[in-house]
Amino acid sequence: MKAIQDAIEGSKLATCKIWNLWEKVCEKGLEVSKVKASPGLTAAPLTIPESATFAKTKGLDLRKYKARYNELSGIKDADALVDVTADNFDEVRVLLKKGYLQWGRTNYSGFTGGNCTYIAGITVGWLAENTKLLPEGVRVEQFNLAPGGEGHAFVVVGRASGSDPAKPATWGEEWFLIDPWYSRQRVTRPGTNAVKDPVPGGDYYDKDFLAFIFDGTIAPGPAFTAEELATLR
């Protein structure tokens, strides 16, 4: 965790500005003018949640996935467009993940700020370029707070295999979380650390942050194995 936190402090993730400051997150003493930026038009690209299945995916979402899949595949002819089906659903998921990583890596070079979803995507792209900082064989996932948490996005590294994505209490003690969007709105440590440790007593344990995250309903987004981070290019 220290290696990742140290690397983040030397990266654009440590200086990015925030499009959507939250009053309940901003720590007293924050110089808002130095952190806040006007919203941009760029959005993180569409992905398929790792837990999603074809059978349970709504028609509107399937149409969105179809459009993104054909865009990434370079298919423009209306007669040649490929539908998303039960047979190719996993293939579509992987291609959309590849597009997400490509976007994150590419946009990091000009990155100056964003909302939480944008910053989470940039964070995953940055990790894909810095896999040497990650524990061997680890999984990286983007999660969201469902409605009620206003859709806040953050990144989790090392969640225990087989644990319930919606229940952090089952995630084990080896995972940690990365949230530059939150840390940029804090003034004192451990709040200013983008890396968050769930184990009390650690240098990166942040009780206020964990309460902010775990009081909401957590929904899984895209997930990446260590191999995917290194090879989906």
C-alpha atoms as a PDB file:
ATOM      1  CA  MET A   1       0.000   0.000   0.000  1.00  0.00           C
ATOM      2  CA  LYS A   2       2.788   2.420   0.817  1.00  0.00           C
ATOM      3  CA  ALA A   3       4.351   1.966  -2.610  1.00  0.00           C
ATOM      4  CA  ILE A   4       1.070   2.810  -4.312  1.00  0.00           C
ATOM      5  CA  GLN A   5       0.378   5.786  -2.032  1.00  0.00           C
ATOM      6  CA  ASP A   6       3.894   7.132  -2.601  1.00  0.00           C
ATOM      7  CA  ALA A   7       3.497   6.732  -6.371  1.00  0.00           C
ATOM      8  CA  ILE A   8       0.104   8.444  -6.331  1.00  0.00           C
ATOM      9  CA  GLU A   9       1.613  11.412  -4.486  1.00  0.00           C
ATOM     10  CA  GLY A  10       3.959  11.890  -7.435  1.00  0.00           C
ATOM     11  CA  SER A  11       1.192  11.513 -10.012  1.00  0.00           C
ATOM     12  CA  LYS A  12      -1.607  13.599 -11.487  1.00  0.00           C
ATOM     13  CA  LEU A  13      -4.033  11.788  -9.198  1.00  0.00           C
ATOM     14  CA  ALA A  14      -2.628  13.836  -6.310  1.00  0.00           C
ATOM     15  CA  THR A  15      -3.252  17.194  -7.966  1.00  0.00           C
ATOM     16  CA  CYS A  16      -6.442  16.607  -9.940  1.00  0.00           C
ATOM     17  CA  LYS A  17      -9.357  18.962  -9.489  1.00  0.00           C
ATOM     18  CA  ILE A  18     -12.881  17.868  -8.674  1.00  0.00           C
ATOM     19  CA  TRP A  19     -15.938  18.608 -10.794  1.00  0.00           C
ATOM     20  CA  ASN A  20     -18.463  17.545  -8.166  1.00  0.00           C
ATOM     21  CA  LEU A  21     -17.375  18.491  -4.652  1.00  0.00           C
ATOM     22  CA  TRP A  22     -19.637  17.070  -1.941  1.00  0.00           C
ATOM     23  CA  GLU A  23     -20.286  19.248   1.084  1.00  0.00           C
ATOM     24  CA  LYS A  24     -20.467  16.228   3.390  1.00  0.00           C
ATOM     25  CA  VAL A  25     -17.028  15.075   2.189  1.00  0.00           C
ATOM     26  CA  CYS A  26     -15.198  18.426   2.181  1.00  0.00           C
ATOM     27  CA  GLU A  27     -13.129  18.709   5.354  1.00  0.00           C
ATOM     28  CA  LYS A  28     -13.143  21.950   7.329  1.00  0.00           C
ATOM     29  CA  GLY A  29     -10.266  24.141   6.195  1.00  0.00           C
ATOM     30  CA  LEU A  30     -10.308  22.956   2.566  1.00  0.00           C
ATOM     31  CA  GLU A  31      -9.387  25.716   0.112  1.00  0.00           C
ATOM     32  CA  VAL A  32     -12.182  24.974  -2.315  1.00  0.00           C
ATOM     33  CA  SER A  33     -10.844  27.269  -5.041  1.00  0.00           C
ATOM     34  CA  LYS A  34      -7.699  25.142  -5.281  1.00  0.00           C
ATOM     35  CA  VAL A  35      -9.611  21.889  -5.691  1.00  0.00           C
ATOM     36  CA  LYS A  36     -12.826  22.711  -7.550  1.00  0.00           C
ATOM     37  CA  ALA A  37     -13.091  22.759 -11.345  1.00  0.00           C
ATOM     38  CA  SER A  38     -15.937  23.271 -13.797  1.00  0.00           C
ATOM     39  CA  PRO A  39     -17.417  20.017 -15.110  1.00  0.00           C
ATOM     40  CA  GLY A  40     -16.088  18.740 -18.407  1.00  0.00           C
ATOM     41  CA  LEU A  41     -17.912  16.840 -21.112  1.00  0.00           C
ATOM     42  CA  THR A  42     -15.776  13.691 -21.153  1.00  0.00           C
ATOM     43  CA  ALA A  43     -17.185  10.636 -19.403  1.00  0.00           C
ATOM     44  CA  ALA A  44     -15.623   7.316 -18.483  1.00  0.00           C
ATOM     45  CA  PRO A  45     -16.600   4.678 -21.063  1.00  0.00           C
ATOM     46  CA  LEU A  46     -19.297   2.079 -20.658  1.00  0.00           C
ATOM     47  CA  THR A  47     -18.505  -1.327 -19.153  1.00  0.00           C
ATOM     48  CA  ILE A  48     -20.477  -4.404 -18.144  1.00  0.00           C
ATOM     49  CA  PRO A  49     -20.475  -5.194 -14.408  1.00  0.00           C
ATOM     50  CA  GLU A  50     -18.583  -8.383 -13.644  1.00  0.00           C
ATOM     51  CA  SER A  51     -21.631  -9.830 -11.899  1.00  0.00           C
ATOM     52  CA  ALA A  52     -23.992  -9.151 -14.821  1.00  0.00           C
ATOM     53  CA  THR A  53     -25.484 -11.982 -16.859  1.00  0.00           C
ATOM     54  CA  PHE A  54     -27.173 -11.839 -20.238  1.00  0.00           C
ATOM     55  CA  ALA A  55     -30.407 -13.262 -18.850  1.00  0.00           C
ATOM     56  CA  LYS A  56     -30.721 -10.519 -16.232  1.00  0.00           C
ATOM     57  CA  THR A  57     -29.593  -7.600 -18.396  1.00  0.00           C
ATOM     58  CA  LYS A  58     -32.336  -5.209 -19.496  1.00  0.00           C
ATOM     59  CA  GLY A  59     -32.991  -4.440 -23.131  1.00  0.00           C
ATOM     60  CA  LEU A  60     -31.895  -0.809 -22.836  1.00  0.00           C
ATOM     61  CA  ASP A  61     -28.539  -1.870 -21.388  1.00  0.00           C
ATOM     62  CA  LEU A  62     -28.099  -4.499 -24.108  1.00  0.00           C
ATOM     63  CA  ARG A  63     -28.601  -1.803 -26.728  1.00  0.00           C
ATOM     64  CA  LYS A  64     -25.972   0.373 -25.052  1.00  0.00           C
ATOM     65  CA  TYR A  65     -23.539  -2.551 -24.898  1.00  0.00           C
ATOM     66  CA  LYS A  66     -24.231  -3.312 -28.555  1.00  0.00           C
ATOM     67  CA  ALA A  67     -23.426   0.251 -29.585  1.00  0.00           C
ATOM     68  CA  ARG A  68     -20.172   0.299 -27.614  1.00  0.00           C
ATOM     69  CA  TYR A  69     -19.135  -3.179 -28.809  1.00  0.00           C
ATOM     70  CA  ASN A  70     -19.608  -2.257 -32.460  1.00  0.00           C
ATOM     71  CA  GLU A  71     -17.834   1.064 -31.945  1.00  0.00           C
ATOM     72  CA  LEU A  72     -14.801  -0.692 -30.459  1.00  0.00           C
ATOM     73  CA  SER A  73     -14.941  -3.339 -33.199  1.00  0.00           C
ATOM     74  CA  GLY A  74     -14.913  -0.656 -35.895  1.00  0.00           C
ATOM     75  CA  ILE A  75     -18.250  -1.809 -37.328  1.00  0.00           C
ATOM     76  CA  LYS A  76     -20.199   1.107 -38.821  1.00  0.00           C
ATOM     77  CA  ASP A  77     -22.382  -0.466 -41.513  1.00  0.00           C
ATOM     78  CA  ALA A  78     -25.897  -0.777 -40.081  1.00  0.00           C
ATOM     79  CA  ASP A  79     -26.369  -4.104 -41.850  1.00  0.00           C
ATOM     80  CA  ALA A  80     -23.209  -5.515 -40.261  1.00  0.00           C
ATOM     81  CA  LEU A  81     -23.836  -4.508 -36.655  1.00  0.00           C
ATOM     82  CA  VAL A  82     -23.420  -7.352 -34.172  1.00  0.00           C
ATOM     83  CA  ASP A  83     -26.099  -7.952 -31.544  1.00  0.00           C
ATOM     84  CA  VAL A  84     -25.235  -8.814 -27.951  1.00  0.00           C
ATOM     85  CA  THR A  85     -26.397 -12.361 -27.255  1.00  0.00           C
ATOM     86  CA  ALA A  86     -26.029 -15.015 -24.588  1.00  0.00           C
ATOM     87  CA  ASP A  87     -23.306 -16.603 -26.718  1.00  0.00           C
ATOM     88  CA  ASN A  88     -21.107 -13.506 -27.048  1.00  0.00           C
ATOM     89  CA  PHE A  89     -21.962 -11.705 -23.789  1.00  0.00           C
ATOM     90  CA  ASP A  90     -18.644 -12.540 -22.114  1.00  0.00           C
ATOM     91  CA  GLU A  91     -16.727 -11.579 -25.267  1.00  0.00           C
ATOM     92  CA  VAL A  92     -18.521  -8.223 -25.295  1.00  0.00           C
ATOM     93  CA  ARG A  93     -17.704  -7.720 -21.618  1.00  0.00           C
ATOM     94  CA  VAL A  94     -13.985  -8.283 -22.236  1.00  0.00           C
ATOM     95  CA  LEU A  95     -13.866  -5.907 -25.211  1.00  0.00           C
ATOM     96  CA  LEU A  96     -15.615  -3.195 -23.210  1.00  0.00           C
ATOM     97  CA  LYS A  97     -13.109  -3.724 -20.388  1.00  0.00           C
ATOM     98  CA  LYS A  98     -10.300  -3.371 -22.911  1.00  0.00           C
ATOM     99  CA  GLY A  99     -11.815  -0.110 -24.120  1.00  0.00           C
ATOM    100  CA  TYR A 100     -12.084   1.118 -20.527  1.00  0.00           C
ATOM    101  CA  LEU A 101      -8.405   0.402 -19.848  1.00  0.00           C
ATOM    102  CA  GLN A 102      -7.333   1.990 -23.126  1.00  0.00           C
ATOM    103  CA  TRP A 103      -9.336   5.092 -22.259  1.00  0.00           C
ATOM    104  CA  GLY A 104      -7.842   5.286 -18.762  1.00  0.00           C
ATOM    105  CA  ARG A 105      -4.267   4.914 -19.953  1.00  0.00           C
ATOM    106  CA  THR A 106      -4.669   7.331 -22.865  1.00  0.00           C
ATOM    107  CA  ASN A 107      -6.492  10.056 -20.950  1.00  0.00           C
ATOM    108  CA  TYR A 108      -4.063  10.064 -18.034  1.00  0.00           C
ATOM    109  CA  SER A 109      -1.569  12.097 -20.093  1.00  0.00           C
ATOM    110  CA  GLY A 110      -3.901  15.100 -20.269  1.00  0.00           C
ATOM    111  CA  PHE A 111      -5.728  14.454 -17.025  1.00  0.00           C
ATOM    112  CA  THR A 112      -6.392  17.481 -14.817  1.00  0.00           C
ATOM    113  CA  GLY A 113      -9.635  16.608 -13.053  1.00  0.00           C
ATOM    114  CA  GLY A 114     -13.016  14.931 -13.190  1.00  0.00           C
ATOM    115  CA  ASN A 115     -15.934  13.549 -11.260  1.00  0.00           C
ATOM    116  CA  CYS A 116     -15.625  10.387  -9.188  1.00  0.00           C
ATOM    117  CA  THR A 117     -16.432   8.021 -12.074  1.00  0.00           C
ATOM    118  CA  TYR A 118     -13.950   9.727 -14.373  1.00  0.00           C
ATOM    119  CA  ILE A 119     -11.231   9.690 -11.706  1.00  0.00           C
ATOM    120  CA  ALA A 120     -11.870   6.019 -10.888  1.00  0.00           C
ATOM    121  CA  GLY A 121     -11.403   5.158 -14.572  1.00  0.00           C
ATOM    122  CA  ILE A 122      -8.171   7.138 -14.744  1.00  0.00           C
ATOM    123  CA  THR A 123      -7.005   5.396 -11.561  1.00  0.00           C
ATOM    124  CA  VAL A 124      -7.560   1.946 -13.083  1.00  0.00           C
ATOM    125  CA  GLY A 125      -5.745   3.023 -16.252  1.00  0.00           C
ATOM    126  CA  TRP A 126      -2.871   4.356 -14.159  1.00  0.00           C
ATOM    127  CA  LEU A 127      -2.683   1.050 -12.267  1.00  0.00           C
ATOM    128  CA  ALA A 128      -2.586  -0.800 -15.603  1.00  0.00           C
ATOM    129  CA  GLU A 129       0.549   1.188 -16.433  1.00  0.00           C
ATOM    130  CA  ASN A 130       2.015   0.550 -12.976  1.00  0.00           C
ATOM    131  CA  THR A 131       1.214  -3.112 -12.347  1.00  0.00           C
ATOM    132  CA  LYS A 132       4.600  -3.566 -10.644  1.00  0.00           C
ATOM    133  CA  LEU A 133       3.127  -1.693  -7.679  1.00  0.00           C
ATOM    134  CA  LEU A 134       0.339  -4.235  -7.220  1.00  0.00           C
ATOM    135  CA  PRO A 135       0.518  -7.462  -5.210  1.00  0.00           C
ATOM    136  CA  GLU A 136       1.061 -10.477  -7.454  1.00  0.00           C
ATOM    137  CA  GLY A 137      -2.107 -11.967  -8.916  1.00  0.00           C
ATOM    138  CA  VAL A 138      -4.349  -9.316  -7.409  1.00  0.00           C
ATOM    139  CA  ARG A 139      -7.716  -8.281  -8.810  1.00  0.00           C
ATOM    140  CA  VAL A 140      -8.649  -4.626  -9.347  1.00  0.00           C
ATOM    141  CA  GLU A 141     -12.318  -3.627  -9.326  1.00  0.00           C
ATOM    142  CA  GLN A 142     -14.318  -0.466  -9.742  1.00  0.00           C
ATOM    143  CA  PHE A 143     -17.316  -0.218  -7.414  1.00  0.00           C
ATOM    144  CA  ASN A 144     -20.190   2.231  -7.147  1.00  0.00           C
ATOM    145  CA  LEU A 145     -22.442   3.390  -4.369  1.00  0.00           C
ATOM    146  CA  ALA A 146     -25.938   2.698  -5.649  1.00  0.00           C
ATOM    147  CA  PRO A 147     -28.676   5.383  -5.528  1.00  0.00           C
ATOM    148  CA  GLY A 148     -28.598   6.913  -2.094  1.00  0.00           C
ATOM    149  CA  GLY A 149     -24.823   7.215  -2.446  1.00  0.00           C
ATOM    150  CA  GLU A 150     -25.343   9.293  -5.588  1.00  0.00           C
ATOM    151  CA  GLY A 151     -23.449   6.727  -7.635  1.00  0.00           C
ATOM    152  CA  HIS A 152     -20.009   7.421  -6.176  1.00  0.00           C
ATOM    153  CA  ALA A 153     -17.257   5.364  -7.859  1.00  0.00           C
ATOM    154  CA  PHE A 154     -14.063   4.048  -6.249  1.00  0.00           C
ATOM    155  CA  VAL A 155     -11.428   1.357  -6.819  1.00  0.00           C
ATOM    156  CA  VAL A 156     -10.855  -1.761  -4.707  1.00  0.00           C
ATOM    157  CA  VAL A 157      -7.689  -3.872  -4.890  1.00  0.00           C
ATOM    158  CA  GLY A 158      -7.401  -7.423  -3.571  1.00  0.00           C
ATOM    159  CA  ARG A 159     -10.935  -8.307  -2.523  1.00  0.00           C
ATOM    160  CA  ALA A 160     -10.970 -11.919  -1.320  1.00  0.00           C
ATOM    161  CA  SER A 161     -11.997 -14.430  -3.973  1.00  0.00           C
ATOM    162  CA  GLY A 162     -15.496 -15.747  -3.373  1.00  0.00           C
ATOM    163  CA  SER A 163     -16.506 -12.868  -1.112  1.00  0.00           C
ATOM    164  CA  ASP A 164     -19.768 -11.003  -1.622  1.00  0.00           C
ATOM    165  CA  PRO A 165     -19.122  -7.843  -3.700  1.00  0.00           C
ATOM    166  CA  ALA A 166     -21.955  -6.049  -1.905  1.00  0.00           C
ATOM    167  CA  LYS A 167     -20.714  -6.869   1.610  1.00  0.00           C
ATOM    168  CA  PRO A 168     -17.301  -5.397   2.544  1.00  0.00           C
ATOM    169  CA  ALA A 169     -17.335  -7.355   5.807  1.00  0.00           C
ATOM    170  CA  THR A 170     -16.724 -10.483   3.699  1.00  0.00           C
ATOM    171  CA  TRP A 171     -13.824  -9.040   1.685  1.00  0.00           C
ATOM    172  CA  GLY A 172     -11.092 -10.248   4.055  1.00  0.00           C
ATOM    173  CA  GLU A 173      -8.234  -8.132   5.439  1.00  0.00           C
ATOM    174  CA  GLU A 174      -5.858  -8.048   2.468  1.00  0.00           C
ATOM    175  CA  TRP A 175      -7.815  -5.626   0.319  1.00  0.00           C
ATOM    176  CA  PHE A 176      -7.401  -1.868   0.132  1.00  0.00           C
ATOM    177  CA  LEU A 177      -9.233   0.932  -1.583  1.00  0.00           C
ATOM    178  CA  ILE A 178      -8.089   3.852  -3.754  1.00  0.00           C
ATOM    179  CA  ASP A 179     -10.162   7.029  -3.973  1.00  0.00           C
ATOM    180  CA  PRO A 180      -8.333  10.207  -5.078  1.00  0.00           C
ATOM    181  CA  TRP A 181     -11.685  11.969  -5.500  1.00  0.00           C
ATOM    182  CA  TYR A 182     -12.262  11.701  -1.746  1.00  0.00           C
ATOM    183  CA  SER A 183      -8.690  12.421  -0.659  1.00  0.00           C
ATOM    184  CA  ARG A 184      -8.571  15.647  -2.687  1.00  0.00           C
ATOM    185  CA  GLN A 185     -11.428  16.997  -0.561  1.00  0.00           C
ATOM    186  CA  ARG A 186      -9.673  16.327   2.743  1.00  0.00           C
ATOM    187  CA  VAL A 187      -7.087  18.411   4.597  1.00  0.00           C
ATOM    188  CA  THR A 188      -5.531  16.112   7.199  1.00  0.00           C
ATOM    189  CA  ARG A 189      -4.238  12.550   7.219  1.00  0.00           C
ATOM    190  CA  PRO A 190      -5.372   9.861   6.908  1.00  0.00           C
ATOM    191  CA  GLY A 191      -8.053  11.584   4.837  1.00  0.00           C
ATOM    192  CA  THR A 192      -5.532  12.968   2.350  1.00  0.00           C
ATOM    193  CA  ASN A 193      -4.238   9.471   1.583  1.00  0.00           C
ATOM    194  CA  ALA A 194      -5.848   8.174  -1.603  1.00  0.00           C
ATOM    195  CA  VAL A 195      -5.125   4.631  -0.369  1.00  0.00           C
ATOM    196  CA  LYS A 196      -7.443   3.353   2.373  1.00  0.00           C
ATOM    197  CA  ASP A 197      -6.843   0.313   4.604  1.00  0.00           C
ATOM    198  CA  PRO A 198      -9.828  -1.418   6.284  1.00  0.00           C
ATOM    199  CA  VAL A 199      -7.795  -2.708   9.230  1.00  0.00           C
ATOM    200  CA  PRO A 200      -7.939  -0.435  12.327  1.00  0.00           C
ATOM    201  CA  GLY A 201      -4.606   0.896  13.527  1.00  0.00           C
ATOM    202  CA  GLY A 202      -2.890   1.014  10.155  1.00  0.00           C
ATOM    203  CA  ASP A 203      -1.361   4.124   8.597  1.00  0.00           C
ATOM    204  CA  TYR A 204      -4.077   4.160   5.948  1.00  0.00           C
ATOM    205  CA  TYR A 205      -7.064   3.336   8.127  1.00  0.00           C
ATOM    206  CA  ASP A 206      -9.655   6.107   7.772  1.00  0.00           C
ATOM    207  CA  LYS A 207     -12.743   5.614   9.918  1.00  0.00           C
ATOM    208  CA  ASP A 208     -14.614   8.589   8.453  1.00  0.00           C
ATOM    209  CA  PHE A 209     -14.022   7.429   4.906  1.00  0.00           C
ATOM    210  CA  LEU A 210     -15.077   3.852   5.588  1.00  0.00           C
ATOM    211  CA  ALA A 211     -18.278   5.126   7.193  1.00  0.00           C
ATOM    212  CA  PHE A 212     -18.920   7.245   4.093  1.00  0.00           C
ATOM    213  CA  ILE A 213     -18.502   4.216   1.817  1.00  0.00           C
ATOM    214  CA  PHE A 214     -20.061   1.455   3.855  1.00  0.00           C
ATOM    215  CA  ASP A 215     -23.189   3.338   4.887  1.00  0.00           C
ATOM    216  CA  GLY A 216     -24.351   3.088   1.266  1.00  0.00           C
ATOM    217  CA  THR A 217     -25.392   0.238  -1.006  1.00  0.00           C
ATOM    218  CA  ILE A 218     -22.377  -1.026  -2.925  1.00  0.00           C
ATOM    219  CA  ALA A 219     -22.760  -2.196  -6.516  1.00  0.00           C
ATOM    220  CA  PRO A 220     -19.946  -3.885  -8.482  1.00  0.00           C
ATOM    221  CA  GLY A 221     -18.662  -2.470 -11.759  1.00  0.00           C
ATOM    222  CA  PRO A 222     -15.897  -3.765 -14.036  1.00  0.00           C
ATOM    223  CA  ALA A 223     -13.240  -6.086 -12.592  1.00  0.00           C
ATOM    224  CA  PHE A 224      -9.756  -6.795 -13.910  1.00  0.00           C
ATOM    225  CA  THR A 225      -7.384  -9.637 -13.164  1.00  0.00           C
ATOM    226  CA  ALA A 226      -3.677  -8.851 -12.973  1.00  0.00           C
ATOM    227  CA  GLU A 227      -3.278 -10.523 -16.366  1.00  0.00           C
ATOM    228  CA  GLU A 228      -6.012  -8.382 -17.921  1.00  0.00           C
ATOM    229  CA  LEU A 229      -4.440  -5.187 -16.598  1.00  0.00           C
ATOM    230  CA  ALA A 230      -1.185  -6.161 -18.288  1.00  0.00           C
ATOM    231  CA  THR A 231      -2.519  -7.586 -21.558  1.00  0.00           C
ATOM    232  CA  LEU A 232      -5.776  -5.827 -22.517  1.00  0.00           C
ATOM    233  CA  ARG A 233      -4.256  -3.216 -24.823  1.00  0.00           C
END
